[in-house]
Protein backbone atom coordinates (compact mmCIF):
# COMPACT_ATOMS: atom_id res chain seq x y z
CA UNK A 1 0.28 -0.05 0.27
CA UNK A 2 2.97 2.39 0.96
CA UNK A 3 3.51 2.55 -2.77
CA UNK A 4 -0.06 3.30 -4.01
CA UNK A 5 -1.22 6.76 -3.45
CA UNK A 6 -3.79 7.79 -1.05
CA UNK A 7 -7.28 8.24 -2.64
CA UNK A 8 -10.59 9.14 -1.39
CA UNK A 9 -12.39 6.84 -3.76
CA UNK A 10 -10.62 3.78 -2.37
CA UNK A 11 -12.50 4.54 0.86
CA UNK A 12 -15.86 3.84 -1.29
CA UNK A 13 -19.03 6.26 -1.85
CA UNK A 14 -20.58 5.43 1.05
CA UNK A 15 -17.72 6.58 3.40
CA UNK A 16 -18.73 9.49 5.81
CA UNK A 17 -15.69 11.96 5.95
CA UNK A 18 -15.70 15.19 8.63
CA UNK A 19 -14.27 16.81 11.59
CA UNK A 20 -14.85 17.44 15.55
CA UNK A 21 -15.08 19.89 17.94
CA UNK A 22 -17.17 20.23 21.55
CA UNK A 23 -18.70 22.94 23.17
CA UNK A 24 -17.09 23.36 26.23
CA UNK A 25 -13.66 23.73 24.60
CA UNK A 26 -14.81 26.33 21.66
CA UNK A 27 -17.70 27.87 22.56
CA UNK A 28 -16.30 30.53 24.93
CA UNK A 29 -19.63 32.74 26.12
CA UNK A 30 -19.66 30.93 29.16
CA UNK A 31 -21.89 33.81 31.53
CA UNK A 32 -24.32 34.89 28.44
CA UNK A 33 -27.46 34.10 27.42
CA UNK A 34 -28.59 32.06 30.28
CA UNK A 35 -26.13 29.62 30.79
CA UNK A 36 -25.22 27.63 34.00
CA UNK A 37 -22.13 26.89 35.74
CA UNK A 38 -20.42 23.68 34.58
CA UNK A 39 -17.95 21.38 36.69
CA UNK A 40 -15.16 22.96 34.36
CA UNK A 41 -16.22 26.84 35.20
CA UNK A 42 -15.83 25.70 38.91
CA UNK A 43 -12.33 23.45 37.98
CA UNK A 44 -10.89 26.03 36.07
CA UNK A 45 -10.62 28.67 38.88
CA UNK A 46 -8.77 26.55 40.96
CA UNK A 47 -4.65 27.14 41.36
CA UNK A 48 -2.51 25.33 39.56
CA UNK A 49 -5.41 22.98 37.79
CA UNK A 50 -4.83 24.11 34.36
CA UNK A 51 -1.10 25.00 32.13
CA UNK A 52 -0.87 28.97 32.65
CA UNK A 53 -3.98 29.52 34.36
CA UNK A 54 -5.79 29.83 31.31
CA UNK A 55 -9.77 29.13 31.11
CA UNK A 56 -12.29 28.60 28.55
CA UNK A 57 -14.44 31.92 29.04
CA UNK A 58 -13.54 33.11 25.53
CA UNK A 59 -11.81 29.69 24.03
CA UNK A 60 -12.80 30.05 20.37
CA UNK A 61 -15.76 32.08 20.48
CA UNK A 62 -17.64 29.91 18.26
CA UNK A 63 -20.99 31.17 20.46
CA UNK A 64 -20.77 34.47 17.80
CA UNK A 65 -18.47 32.99 15.38
CA UNK A 66 -20.16 29.43 14.50
CA UNK A 67 -21.28 31.19 10.88
CA UNK A 68 -17.38 32.15 9.88
CA UNK A 69 -16.57 28.68 11.16
CA UNK A 70 -19.43 26.87 9.24
CA UNK A 71 -18.27 28.95 5.96
CA UNK A 72 -14.86 27.88 6.65
CA UNK A 73 -16.22 24.26 6.86
CA UNK A 74 -17.68 24.73 3.79
CA UNK A 75 -14.62 25.93 1.78
CA UNK A 76 -12.72 22.95 3.20
CA UNK A 77 -15.08 20.93 1.73
CA UNK A 78 -15.85 19.18 4.95
CA UNK A 79 -19.43 16.97 4.35
CA UNK A 80 -19.95 16.16 8.23
CA UNK A 81 -19.59 18.08 11.28
CA UNK A 82 -19.90 16.22 14.44
CA UNK A 83 -20.14 18.89 17.93
CA UNK A 84 -21.86 18.71 21.52
CA UNK A 85 -24.10 20.23 23.17
CA UNK A 86 -23.43 22.49 26.76
CA UNK A 87 -25.57 20.89 29.09
CA UNK A 88 -25.35 24.18 31.14
CA UNK A 89 -26.63 25.94 28.31
CA UNK A 90 -29.86 23.76 27.60
CA UNK A 91 -30.59 23.14 31.16
CA UNK A 92 -28.57 25.86 33.26
CA UNK A 93 -29.26 23.89 36.93
CA UNK A 94 -29.29 20.71 34.76
CA UNK A 95 -32.75 19.71 36.39
CA UNK A 96 -35.61 21.96 35.38
CA UNK A 97 -35.75 25.10 33.65
CA UNK A 98 -34.84 25.05 30.20
CA UNK A 99 -33.53 27.64 28.49
CA UNK A 100 -35.08 28.60 25.29
CA UNK A 101 -31.86 30.83 24.44
CA UNK A 102 -29.63 27.63 24.62
CA UNK A 103 -31.82 25.75 22.63
CA UNK A 104 -32.11 29.26 19.99
CA UNK A 105 -28.17 29.00 19.94
CA UNK A 106 -28.23 25.72 18.92
CA UNK A 107 -31.19 25.52 16.26
CA UNK A 108 -29.29 28.32 14.68
CA UNK A 109 -26.09 26.22 14.54
CA UNK A 110 -27.87 23.28 12.99
CA UNK A 111 -29.41 25.25 10.75
CA UNK A 112 -26.30 27.18 9.32
CA UNK A 113 -24.65 23.50 8.88
CA UNK A 114 -27.76 22.09 7.16
CA UNK A 115 -28.04 25.41 4.94
CA UNK A 116 -24.23 24.73 3.71
CA UNK A 117 -25.17 21.36 3.04
CA UNK A 118 -23.03 19.99 6.39
CA UNK A 119 -24.66 17.18 8.12
CA UNK A 120 -24.57 17.32 11.79
CA UNK A 121 -23.68 14.81 14.46
CA UNK A 122 -24.44 15.83 17.56
CA UNK A 123 -22.53 14.50 20.95
CA UNK A 124 -24.79 14.79 23.92
CA UNK A 125 -22.34 15.35 26.51
CA UNK A 126 -18.61 16.06 26.21
CA UNK A 127 -17.80 16.29 29.80
CA UNK A 128 -19.56 19.51 31.02
CA UNK A 129 -21.79 18.44 33.33
CA UNK A 130 -23.35 21.15 35.43
CA UNK A 131 -22.11 22.02 38.47
CA UNK A 132 -24.91 22.13 40.44
CA UNK A 133 -25.78 18.31 39.63
CA UNK A 134 -21.98 17.86 41.14
CA UNK A 135 -23.00 19.90 44.19
CA UNK A 136 -25.65 16.40 44.30
CA UNK A 137 -22.82 14.18 43.86
CA UNK A 138 -22.42 14.18 39.90
CA UNK A 139 -21.78 11.13 38.16
CA UNK A 140 -21.46 9.13 41.74
CA UNK A 141 -25.13 9.82 42.25
CA UNK A 142 -27.24 7.14 41.20
CA UNK A 143 -30.14 9.78 40.26
CA UNK A 144 -27.64 10.67 37.19
CA UNK A 145 -29.82 8.22 35.41
CA UNK A 146 -32.81 10.02 35.52
CA UNK A 147 -31.16 13.73 35.19
CA UNK A 148 -29.49 12.25 31.96
CA UNK A 149 -32.51 11.19 30.67
CA UNK A 150 -34.41 14.38 30.98
CA UNK A 151 -31.58 16.03 28.95
CA UNK A 152 -31.48 13.43 26.39
CA UNK A 153 -35.17 13.86 26.20
CA UNK A 154 -35.41 17.96 25.62
CA UNK A 155 -32.31 17.54 23.37
CA UNK A 156 -33.94 14.93 20.89
CA UNK A 157 -37.22 16.58 21.16
CA UNK A 158 -36.02 19.93 20.18
CA UNK A 159 -33.91 18.83 17.32
CA UNK A 160 -34.91 15.34 16.13
CA UNK A 161 -36.38 16.76 12.82
CA UNK A 162 -33.37 18.23 11.91
CA UNK A 163 -30.17 15.47 13.70
CA UNK A 164 -30.00 12.10 12.11
CA UNK A 165 -27.20 11.06 14.43
CA UNK A 166 -26.22 11.67 17.75
CA UNK A 167 -23.50 10.71 20.06
CA UNK A 168 -24.50 9.66 23.70
CA UNK A 169 -20.99 10.28 25.60
CA UNK A 170 -17.60 11.32 24.54
CA UNK A 171 -15.16 9.25 26.09
CA UNK A 172 -16.37 7.98 28.79
CA UNK A 173 -12.93 6.28 30.52
CA UNK A 174 -11.49 9.63 30.24
CA UNK A 175 -14.27 11.49 31.97
CA UNK A 176 -14.31 8.85 34.73
CA UNK A 177 -11.19 8.37 35.19
CA UNK A 178 -9.63 12.25 34.87
CA UNK A 179 -12.50 13.74 37.01
CA UNK A 180 -13.59 11.15 39.45
CA UNK A 181 -10.32 9.01 39.94
CA UNK A 182 -6.99 10.82 39.12
CA UNK A 183 -8.75 14.19 39.42
CA UNK A 184 -6.97 16.18 36.76
CA UNK A 185 -9.77 16.99 35.30
CA UNK A 186 -13.04 18.52 36.68
CA UNK A 187 -14.37 17.80 39.31
CA UNK A 188 -10.87 17.55 40.78
CA UNK A 189 -12.20 14.33 42.82
CA UNK A 190 -9.99 11.00 44.05
CA UNK A 191 -9.93 7.90 44.00
CA UNK A 192 -12.48 4.88 43.66
CA UNK A 193 -14.55 5.60 46.04
CA UNK A 194 -15.63 8.23 43.22
CA UNK A 195 -14.23 6.47 40.10
CA UNK A 196 -16.31 3.01 40.80
CA UNK A 197 -19.96 4.43 40.88
CA UNK A 198 -19.16 7.15 38.15
CA UNK A 199 -17.78 4.58 35.86
CA UNK A 200 -21.20 2.20 36.34
CA UNK A 201 -23.41 5.01 35.90
CA UNK A 202 -21.96 5.98 32.51
CA UNK A 203 -21.91 2.61 31.36
CA UNK A 204 -26.26 2.83 32.12
CA UNK A 205 -26.33 6.20 31.01
CA UNK A 206 -25.03 5.41 27.37
CA UNK A 207 -27.45 3.07 27.41
CA UNK A 208 -30.42 5.10 28.79
CA UNK A 209 -29.68 7.67 26.17
CA UNK A 210 -29.70 5.35 22.95
CA UNK A 211 -33.04 3.75 24.10
CA UNK A 212 -34.37 8.00 24.99
CA UNK A 213 -33.32 8.72 21.30
CA UNK A 214 -34.90 6.15 19.84
CA UNK A 215 -38.34 6.68 21.73
CA UNK A 216 -38.43 10.02 20.36
CA UNK A 217 -36.59 9.56 17.09
CA UNK A 218 -37.06 5.60 15.87
CA UNK A 219 -35.30 6.46 12.61
CA UNK A 220 -32.19 8.65 14.10
CA UNK A 221 -28.48 6.60 13.90
CA UNK A 222 -27.73 6.05 17.23
CA UNK A 223 -24.29 5.52 19.05
CA UNK A 224 -21.31 6.48 21.82
CA UNK A 225 -17.85 7.32 21.66
CA UNK A 226 -14.83 5.46 22.93
CA UNK A 227 -11.66 6.56 23.81
CA UNK A 228 -8.70 4.12 23.36
CA UNK A 229 -4.97 3.17 22.72
CA UNK A 230 -3.19 0.64 21.00
CA UNK A 231 -1.02 -1.01 24.29
CA UNK A 232 1.95 -2.64 23.58
CA UNK A 233 4.10 -4.53 26.26
CA UNK A 234 7.95 -3.08 27.16
CA UNK A 235 9.26 -6.59 26.61
CA UNK A 236 8.94 -9.78 25.98
CA UNK A 237 8.56 -11.07 29.58
CA UNK A 238 5.41 -12.01 31.41
CA UNK A 239 5.17 -9.76 34.01
CA UNK A 240 4.82 -6.76 31.09
CA UNK A 241 2.56 -8.44 29.49
CA UNK A 242 0.41 -9.42 32.08
CA UNK A 243 0.47 -5.32 32.90
CA UNK A 244 0.00 -4.73 29.08
CA UNK A 245 -3.01 -6.99 29.38
CA UNK A 246 -4.41 -5.34 32.44
CA UNK A 247 -3.95 -1.38 30.63
CA UNK A 248 -5.97 -2.87 28.00
CA UNK A 249 -8.75 -3.82 30.04
CA UNK A 250 -8.76 -0.18 31.80
CA UNK A 251 -8.48 1.90 28.43
CA UNK A 252 -10.58 -0.37 25.99
CA UNK A 253 -12.45 -3.02 27.39
CA UNK A 254 -14.19 -1.06 30.63
CA UNK A 255 -17.20 0.54 28.78
CA UNK A 256 -17.92 -1.46 25.70
CA UNK A 257 -18.21 -4.79 27.19
CA UNK A 258 -21.02 -4.27 29.30
CA UNK A 259 -23.12 -2.96 26.62
CA UNK A 260 -22.51 -5.99 24.87
CA UNK A 261 -23.91 -8.32 27.58
CA UNK A 262 -20.25 -9.25 28.20
CA UNK A 263 -20.06 -7.35 31.88
CA UNK A 264 -17.25 -5.59 33.29
CA UNK A 265 -13.64 -7.03 32.57
CA UNK A 266 -12.94 -8.37 36.00
CA UNK A 267 -11.07 -10.93 34.93
CA UNK A 268 -8.31 -8.89 33.76
CA UNK A 269 -9.44 -6.38 36.86
CA UNK A 270 -10.20 -7.74 39.91
CA UNK A 271 -10.72 -4.11 41.93
CA UNK A 272 -13.85 -3.75 39.68
CA UNK A 273 -15.87 -6.30 41.46
CA UNK A 274 -16.13 -3.12 43.98
CA UNK A 275 -18.58 -2.09 41.51
CA UNK A 276 -21.28 -4.60 42.63
CA UNK A 277 -22.13 -2.49 46.13
CA UNK A 278 -23.36 -0.32 43.42
CA UNK A 279 -25.05 -2.44 41.08
CA UNK A 280 -28.76 -3.15 41.34
CA UNK A 281 -30.50 -6.82 39.76
CA UNK A 282 -31.90 -4.86 36.77
CA UNK A 283 -28.58 -3.13 35.82
CA UNK A 284 -27.15 -5.96 33.84
CA UNK A 285 -30.13 -5.69 31.78
CA UNK A 286 -30.19 -2.15 31.49
CA UNK A 287 -26.95 -1.25 30.42
CA UNK A 288 -27.18 -3.72 27.55
CA UNK A 289 -27.01 -1.92 24.33
CA UNK A 290 -26.92 -1.86 20.35
CA UNK A 291 -25.54 0.94 19.40
CA UNK A 292 -26.23 1.54 15.42
CA UNK A 293 -22.65 2.42 15.71
CA UNK A 294 -20.14 3.05 17.78
CA UNK A 295 -17.44 6.26 17.22
CA UNK A 296 -13.37 5.25 18.22
CA UNK A 297 -11.09 8.47 19.26
CA UNK A 298 -7.34 6.59 18.41
CA UNK A 299 -4.31 9.31 18.50
CA UNK A 300 -1.57 7.00 19.99
CA UNK A 301 -0.24 3.71 21.46
CA UNK A 302 0.62 3.01 25.09
CA UNK A 303 3.56 1.15 25.63
CA UNK A 304 2.98 -0.60 29.37
CA UNK A 305 5.58 -2.47 31.97
CA UNK A 306 5.30 -3.92 35.01
CA UNK A 307 5.39 -1.61 37.96
CA UNK A 308 5.02 -2.70 41.89
CA UNK A 309 4.55 0.92 42.67
CA UNK A 310 0.83 1.59 40.79
CA UNK A 311 -1.75 -0.16 43.22
CA UNK A 312 -4.16 -2.45 41.74
CA UNK A 313 -3.21 -2.28 38.11
CA UNK A 314 0.63 -3.40 38.62
CA UNK A 315 1.72 -1.19 35.28
CA UNK A 316 3.31 1.72 34.24
CA UNK A 317 3.52 3.66 30.77
CA UNK A 318 6.85 4.18 29.04
CA UNK A 319 6.28 7.95 28.00
CA UNK A 320 7.44 8.29 24.43
CA UNK A 321 10.24 10.63 24.85
CA UNK A 322 11.78 8.11 27.05
CA UNK A 323 11.96 5.45 23.84
CA UNK A 324 13.36 7.90 21.82
CA UNK A 325 10.59 7.95 19.13
CA UNK A 326 8.87 10.47 16.83
CA UNK A 327 5.34 12.09 18.99
CA UNK A 328 3.70 14.99 18.97
CA UNK A 329 3.69 18.00 21.90
CA UNK A 330 0.90 16.42 23.76
CA UNK A 331 4.13 13.80 24.39
CA UNK A 332 2.05 11.34 22.25
CA UNK A 333 4.08 8.45 20.20
CA UNK A 334 3.00 8.89 16.49
CA UNK A 335 2.35 5.20 15.58
CA UNK A 336 0.13 4.87 12.92
CA UNK A 337 -0.48 1.40 12.99
CA UNK A 338 -2.52 1.73 16.28
CA UNK A 339 -5.77 3.11 14.65
CA UNK A 340 -5.86 -0.12 12.02
CA UNK A 341 -5.08 -2.43 15.02
CA UNK A 342 -7.91 -0.48 17.70
CA UNK A 343 -10.48 -0.88 14.85
CA UNK A 344 -9.83 -4.74 14.17
CA UNK A 345 -10.35 -4.84 18.11
CA UNK A 346 -14.20 -3.40 18.03
CA UNK A 347 -14.46 -5.11 14.76
CA UNK A 348 -14.05 -8.43 16.93
CA UNK A 349 -16.73 -7.89 19.05
CA UNK A 350 -19.90 -9.10 17.48
CA UNK A 351 -22.15 -6.81 18.45
CA UNK A 352 -20.46 -3.72 16.72
CA UNK A 353 -22.53 -2.84 13.96
CA UNK A 354 -20.35 0.45 12.64
CA UNK A 355 -16.88 1.91 13.45
CA UNK A 356 -16.70 5.44 13.16
CA UNK A 357 -13.41 6.88 13.84
CA UNK A 358 -15.26 10.33 15.55
CA UNK A 359 -11.32 11.38 16.59
CA UNK A 360 -7.69 11.30 15.13
CA UNK A 361 -5.79 14.16 14.99
CA UNK A 362 -2.50 15.62 16.46
CA UNK A 363 -1.00 18.44 17.98
CA UNK A 364 2.07 20.46 16.97
CA UNK A 365 3.62 23.75 17.96
CA UNK A 366 2.08 25.18 14.92
CA UNK A 367 3.03 29.19 13.96
CA UNK A 368 1.20 31.65 11.83
CA UNK A 369 4.15 33.38 9.75
CA UNK A 370 2.69 35.87 6.91
CA UNK A 371 -0.60 34.47 7.04
CA UNK A 372 0.26 31.18 6.43
CA UNK A 373 0.51 27.63 9.26
CA UNK A 374 3.00 25.23 7.53
CA UNK A 375 1.76 22.47 9.61
CA UNK A 376 3.65 19.85 7.55
CA UNK A 377 3.92 17.26 10.38
CA UNK A 378 -0.21 16.87 10.89
CA UNK A 379 -1.15 16.37 7.13
CA UNK A 380 1.37 13.82 7.14
CA UNK A 381 0.35 12.44 10.62
CA UNK A 382 -3.46 12.02 8.74
CA UNK A 383 -2.17 10.55 5.85
CA UNK A 384 -0.49 8.10 7.68
CA UNK A 385 -3.01 7.26 9.84
CA UNK A 386 -5.40 7.51 7.04
CA UNK A 387 -3.37 4.77 5.37
CA UNK A 388 -3.50 2.28 7.91
CA UNK A 389 -7.45 3.14 8.28
CA UNK A 390 -7.84 2.01 4.54
CA UNK A 391 -5.65 -0.86 5.31
CA UNK A 392 -8.22 -2.36 8.36
CA UNK A 393 -10.66 -1.75 5.63
CA UNK A 394 -9.55 -4.35 3.81
CA UNK A 395 -10.53 -6.59 6.82
CA UNK A 396 -13.58 -4.84 8.41
CA UNK A 397 -17.22 -4.18 6.85
CA UNK A 398 -17.80 -2.38 9.68
CA UNK A 399 -15.63 0.69 9.62
CA UNK A 400 -17.54 3.64 7.74
CA UNK A 401 -15.77 6.83 8.88
CA UNK A 402 -13.20 9.11 9.77
CA UNK A 403 -13.47 12.57 11.60
CA UNK A 404 -10.23 14.64 12.19
CA UNK A 405 -9.83 16.15 15.29
CA UNK A 406 -10.58 19.29 15.64
CA UNK A 407 -12.01 22.29 13.46
CA UNK A 408 -10.02 25.00 15.15
CA UNK A 409 -7.90 25.06 17.74
CA UNK A 410 -9.48 25.12 21.20
CA UNK A 411 -8.85 24.93 24.87
CA UNK A 412 -7.29 21.78 25.39
CA UNK A 413 -8.39 21.09 29.28
CA UNK A 414 -6.22 21.09 31.45
CA UNK A 415 -3.42 21.69 28.66
CA UNK A 416 -5.14 24.90 28.17
CA UNK A 417 -4.10 26.90 24.98
CA UNK A 418 -0.64 25.22 24.75
CA UNK A 419 -1.81 22.60 22.47
CA UNK A 420 -3.50 23.15 18.57
CA UNK A 421 -4.95 20.22 16.96
CA UNK A 422 -6.94 22.62 14.45
CA UNK A 423 -7.17 22.25 10.86
CA UNK A 424 -7.60 25.93 11.68
CA UNK A 425 -5.34 28.46 13.58
CA UNK A 426 -6.85 30.87 16.41
CA UNK A 427 -5.59 34.00 16.95
CA UNK A 428 -6.87 34.47 20.43
CA UNK A 429 -5.89 37.76 20.74
CA UNK A 430 -7.89 38.35 17.92
CA UNK A 431 -10.02 35.54 16.92
CA UNK A 432 -8.90 35.51 13.68
CA UNK A 433 -9.18 32.51 11.68
CA UNK A 434 -6.26 30.95 9.25
CA UNK A 435 -6.87 27.78 7.66
CA UNK A 436 -3.93 25.69 8.34
CA UNK A 437 -1.95 23.55 5.65
CA UNK A 438 -3.28 20.39 7.01
CA UNK A 439 -6.74 21.97 6.39
CA UNK A 440 -5.93 23.01 2.17
CA UNK A 441 -4.77 19.68 2.45
CA UNK A 442 -7.88 17.93 3.83
CA UNK A 443 -9.79 20.00 1.19
CA UNK A 444 -7.75 18.05 -1.61
CA UNK A 445 -8.01 15.11 -0.36
CA UNK A 446 -11.64 15.44 0.10
CA UNK A 447 -11.89 16.56 -3.63
CA UNK A 448 -10.01 13.78 -4.88
CA UNK A 449 -6.49 14.16 -4.95
CA UNK A 450 -4.28 11.62 -4.53
CA UNK A 451 -1.14 11.84 -2.12
């Protein structure tokens, strides 16, 4: 395949091409038009939580710039746009009164997409839980099953006539692990006493979200998205192989297997037995769901070694810089084969019907010079990963789409504004947009160019 040029036509006429973003990372306007307070609004005000004390309160100003950004999407020839809805913009307190101005804003965004011939792919939850609900326990409180169902019901009822593709949760392993175990993401909780119930309730909400959407819009295409990393052992030693097996279960199996009726991967992670104190008899059935598709979000691989000093999983990740491999500004190894391996991994699950790559991209230290951002590393990254997606397509009939992360540079959570993933450069001082060379590369590719 290396000798054959990469071309869009090789993926087939039904393959979905797009780009992704999220509300909290791009919208700004954190306190206007009735928007409520999210856990991130609170988290970023705490000292030393975010690099350079950055906040998302203005971000890429998508709230006022959405027409410009969607016009740029059209200019780049990107036919599908994945974005999320902010729970606090729609229901400011998480439950109760609905904010009509929030609904109106998303109606305008969706209408703008449709007017430009762009299909909206809507994510319902991309990490911005209302702080009012966190004050009641957030994802650790089983009441979130009802809170979330009500929120989904409001959204789908409002937009069902315009939106065909819905995603329930974005990367539940990351928002529960980062926010309720490691404490590096909002709401900053630590320990298994927070993580285990948050994990279980997120698993249940995946299914509740699907069933709620289908009850209102039976013809909708409904999925959810999973972060995933190809995990390999640091050496051929048995201890390293076992460590890699445990990390793979944590990163790649924990949230999908319960939905498929396979239960939690307790075989690899015995500490998950703790979930039984939060389970009700009906939960095994309640968590099962037959998604129309799943989104997988892959950026890299993780090389794992045995470690006596890491509780429960007895494993450590060997950083890319220690292994002398090429890596991005996020210190993530550039390893295109990872996406091939992950497509085939999820393809092997009998209950998975269709797979979309809903995020793939890279952060590099982009610089705007003379009106140009020459981010050739990103263009090469996308091309090399797409070559592996195409390779996987020869073996998998389930892989059906690819979305770049992200449309614009944005607020990258704990990394603030240092990390730039966008196809469009944002000058945060002026909010000026500049399509990077990688954006022009993607445009030429989608127009049929060969590379």
